Amino acid sequence: MNAHPLSKVYQLIEPGPVVLLATAHKGRKNVMTLSWHMMVEFEPPLVACVVSERNFSYRALIATGEFVIAIPAQHLAKQVVRIGNTTGRSVDKFSALGLTPLRAKRVGAPLVAECFANLECRIYDAQMAGKYNLFLLQVMQAWIDPAQKRPRMLHHMGYGTFAVDGEIIHLKSRKR
């Protein structure tokens, strides 16, 4: 074994697929790229995520307490990177990047039509947001695009490097 820089540990422990976090506040829609999230509970579905207070979306998240987690497939990879490298402070990312906002059922933030899944969420617990930018979210409504068969998700490995889901295997489990 060789020593590995601590500053690069995050590249080894990748929490899940890259997602988009869509918000709406004061009539303005925004979307950001998010890689730091994880499932916490199954029923109700709770997700933890980190959104830095430096992100433009942070204010909308705090002000409204609601947003959409949109899950993009591989065909959106270039847009996902551009979203992550563009600030919503000065750019309407939906228009600039050719994304289609759709009305959500339970929250004011938009769904992202091009993504294969959209999760309408509300902040469940923000006690650790001030110190760690960590939010616990409750999924209120989930949507799947049936036209997107077997989407391949992106996994951020740091500095513009992504892995794409590959072969799916099925193993015996207690539940399915």
Protein backbone atom coordinates (compact mmCIF):
# COMPACT_ATOMS: atom_id res chain seq x y z
CA MET A 1 0.00 0.00 0.00
CA ASN A 2 1.09 3.56 -0.71
CA ALA A 3 0.03 6.63 1.25
CA HIS A 4 -2.74 8.64 -0.40
CA PRO A 5 -3.25 12.42 0.10
CA LEU A 6 -6.04 13.18 2.56
CA SER A 7 -7.22 15.98 0.26
CA LYS A 8 -8.20 13.32 -2.29
CA VAL A 9 -10.07 10.91 -0.02
CA TYR A 10 -13.39 12.22 -1.35
CA GLN A 11 -12.48 10.75 -4.73
CA LEU A 12 -12.39 7.29 -3.16
CA ILE A 13 -15.67 7.43 -1.23
CA GLU A 14 -18.20 8.49 -3.79
CA PRO A 15 -21.68 8.65 -2.21
CA GLY A 16 -23.86 7.90 -5.21
CA PRO A 17 -24.91 9.30 -8.57
CA VAL A 18 -24.47 12.92 -9.47
CA VAL A 19 -27.80 14.70 -9.13
CA LEU A 20 -29.20 18.11 -9.90
CA LEU A 21 -30.80 20.21 -7.18
CA ALA A 22 -33.52 22.50 -8.55
CA THR A 23 -34.88 25.41 -6.53
CA ALA A 24 -37.29 28.30 -7.03
CA HIS A 25 -37.36 31.48 -4.99
CA LYS A 26 -38.96 34.86 -5.69
CA GLY A 27 -40.00 33.74 -9.18
CA ARG A 28 -36.51 32.59 -10.15
CA LYS A 29 -35.70 28.96 -10.95
CA ASN A 30 -32.18 27.59 -10.52
CA VAL A 31 -30.39 24.27 -10.77
CA MET A 32 -27.05 23.13 -9.36
CA THR A 33 -24.97 19.97 -9.58
CA LEU A 34 -24.74 17.97 -6.36
CA SER A 35 -22.58 14.96 -5.52
CA TRP A 36 -22.62 14.94 -1.72
CA HIS A 37 -25.75 13.09 -0.69
CA MET A 38 -26.84 9.74 0.74
CA MET A 39 -29.94 7.80 1.75
CA VAL A 40 -30.59 7.91 5.49
CA GLU A 41 -33.97 6.18 5.90
CA PHE A 42 -36.37 4.24 3.70
CA GLU A 43 -39.87 5.11 5.00
CA PRO A 44 -40.37 7.94 4.92
CA PRO A 45 -37.52 8.33 2.44
CA LEU A 46 -34.92 10.64 3.97
CA VAL A 47 -31.85 11.87 2.12
CA ALA A 48 -28.92 13.81 3.59
CA CYS A 49 -27.07 16.31 1.42
CA VAL A 50 -24.44 19.00 1.68
CA VAL A 51 -25.15 22.36 0.04
CA SER A 52 -22.51 24.99 0.70
CA GLU A 53 -23.65 28.39 1.85
CA ARG A 54 -21.46 29.74 -1.00
CA ASN A 55 -23.82 28.20 -3.57
CA PHE A 56 -26.50 30.47 -5.03
CA SER A 57 -29.06 27.70 -4.37
CA TYR A 58 -28.39 27.78 -0.62
CA ARG A 59 -30.47 30.93 -0.10
CA ALA A 60 -33.45 29.52 -1.98
CA LEU A 61 -33.15 26.27 -0.06
CA ILE A 62 -33.13 28.07 3.30
CA ALA A 63 -35.90 30.53 2.32
CA THR A 64 -38.36 27.98 0.90
CA GLY A 65 -37.34 24.71 2.56
CA GLU A 66 -38.16 22.86 -0.64
CA PHE A 67 -36.49 21.74 -3.86
CA VAL A 68 -36.26 18.91 -6.37
CA ILE A 69 -33.51 16.33 -6.67
CA ALA A 70 -33.36 15.46 -10.37
CA ILE A 71 -31.31 12.43 -11.41
CA PRO A 72 -29.65 12.78 -14.82
CA ALA A 73 -28.46 9.94 -17.05
CA GLN A 74 -25.22 9.77 -19.01
CA HIS A 75 -26.61 11.68 -22.02
CA LEU A 76 -26.72 14.83 -19.86
CA ALA A 77 -23.08 14.59 -18.71
CA LYS A 78 -21.84 17.74 -20.48
CA GLN A 79 -24.80 19.76 -19.22
CA VAL A 80 -24.25 18.43 -15.67
CA VAL A 81 -20.64 19.69 -15.73
CA ARG A 82 -21.68 23.06 -17.21
CA ILE A 83 -24.36 23.42 -14.52
CA GLY A 84 -21.72 22.77 -11.87
CA ASN A 85 -19.33 25.30 -13.41
CA THR A 86 -21.90 28.10 -13.83
CA THR A 87 -23.39 30.28 -11.12
CA GLY A 88 -27.10 30.94 -11.01
CA ARG A 89 -26.42 34.41 -9.64
CA SER A 90 -26.05 35.79 -13.16
CA VAL A 91 -27.31 33.02 -15.50
CA ASP A 92 -30.70 31.36 -15.98
CA LYS A 93 -29.25 27.85 -16.20
CA PHE A 94 -32.50 26.27 -17.38
CA SER A 95 -32.56 28.50 -20.47
CA ALA A 96 -28.81 28.66 -21.04
CA LEU A 97 -28.38 24.88 -20.89
CA GLY A 98 -31.55 23.81 -22.70
CA LEU A 99 -33.29 22.26 -19.70
CA THR A 100 -37.07 22.14 -19.40
CA PRO A 101 -38.61 23.03 -16.03
CA LEU A 102 -41.85 21.19 -15.28
CA ARG A 103 -44.36 22.03 -12.56
CA ALA A 104 -43.97 19.84 -9.47
CA LYS A 105 -46.97 18.52 -7.55
CA ARG A 106 -45.91 19.07 -3.91
CA VAL A 107 -43.19 21.76 -3.99
CA GLY A 108 -42.61 25.09 -5.74
CA ALA A 109 -39.28 24.06 -7.28
CA PRO A 110 -39.38 22.67 -10.82
CA LEU A 111 -38.83 19.12 -12.03
CA VAL A 112 -36.18 18.75 -14.75
CA ALA A 113 -37.88 17.12 -17.76
CA GLU A 114 -34.66 15.70 -19.26
CA CYS A 115 -33.79 13.73 -16.10
CA PHE A 116 -34.99 10.14 -15.73
CA ALA A 117 -36.10 10.66 -12.11
CA ASN A 118 -37.22 13.63 -10.04
CA LEU A 119 -37.74 13.70 -6.27
CA GLU A 120 -39.80 16.49 -4.74
CA CYS A 121 -38.28 17.23 -1.31
CA ARG A 122 -38.68 19.37 1.76
CA ILE A 123 -36.16 20.07 4.48
CA TYR A 124 -36.83 17.61 7.30
CA ASP A 125 -34.02 18.75 9.61
CA ALA A 126 -31.54 21.59 9.19
CA GLN A 127 -29.89 21.48 12.62
CA MET A 128 -26.48 20.73 11.11
CA ALA A 129 -26.77 23.20 8.23
CA GLY A 130 -25.16 26.09 10.09
CA LYS A 131 -22.05 24.17 11.08
CA TYR A 132 -21.66 21.57 8.29
CA ASN A 133 -24.00 22.72 5.47
CA LEU A 134 -25.74 19.35 5.99
CA PHE A 135 -29.48 19.04 5.41
CA LEU A 136 -31.79 16.10 6.05
CA LEU A 137 -34.50 16.00 3.37
CA GLN A 138 -37.79 14.17 3.11
CA VAL A 139 -38.88 13.00 -0.32
CA MET A 140 -42.53 13.98 -0.72
CA GLN A 141 -43.16 12.74 -4.27
CA ALA A 142 -41.07 10.68 -6.72
CA TRP A 143 -41.31 10.64 -10.52
CA ILE A 144 -39.76 8.34 -13.14
CA ASP A 145 -39.66 8.92 -16.91
CA PRO A 146 -40.80 5.58 -18.41
CA ALA A 147 -39.31 6.54 -21.79
CA GLN A 148 -35.78 6.41 -20.37
CA LYS A 149 -35.08 2.68 -20.14
CA ARG A 150 -32.11 1.54 -18.03
CA PRO A 151 -30.50 4.95 -17.58
CA ARG A 152 -26.79 4.96 -16.85
CA MET A 153 -25.97 7.29 -13.96
CA LEU A 154 -22.88 9.45 -13.51
CA HIS A 155 -20.61 9.12 -10.47
CA HIS A 156 -18.26 12.01 -9.69
CA MET A 157 -14.69 10.96 -9.02
CA GLY A 158 -13.22 14.47 -8.79
CA TYR A 159 -11.93 17.18 -11.09
CA GLY A 160 -14.01 16.42 -14.18
CA THR A 161 -13.66 12.65 -13.92
CA PHE A 162 -16.81 10.51 -13.83
CA ALA A 163 -17.61 6.83 -13.76
CA VAL A 164 -20.74 5.66 -15.55
CA ASP A 165 -22.89 2.80 -14.29
CA GLY A 166 -22.02 -0.42 -15.99
CA GLU A 167 -23.27 -3.98 -15.90
CA ILE A 168 -26.11 -4.74 -13.50
CA ILE A 169 -25.93 -7.96 -11.52
CA HIS A 170 -28.65 -9.58 -9.39
CA LEU A 171 -27.72 -11.58 -6.29
CA LYS A 172 -29.94 -13.44 -3.86
CA SER A 173 -31.24 -11.15 -1.13
CA ARG A 174 -33.76 -11.39 1.69
CA LYS A 175 -35.97 -8.80 0.02
CA ARG A 176 -36.45 -7.55 -3.49
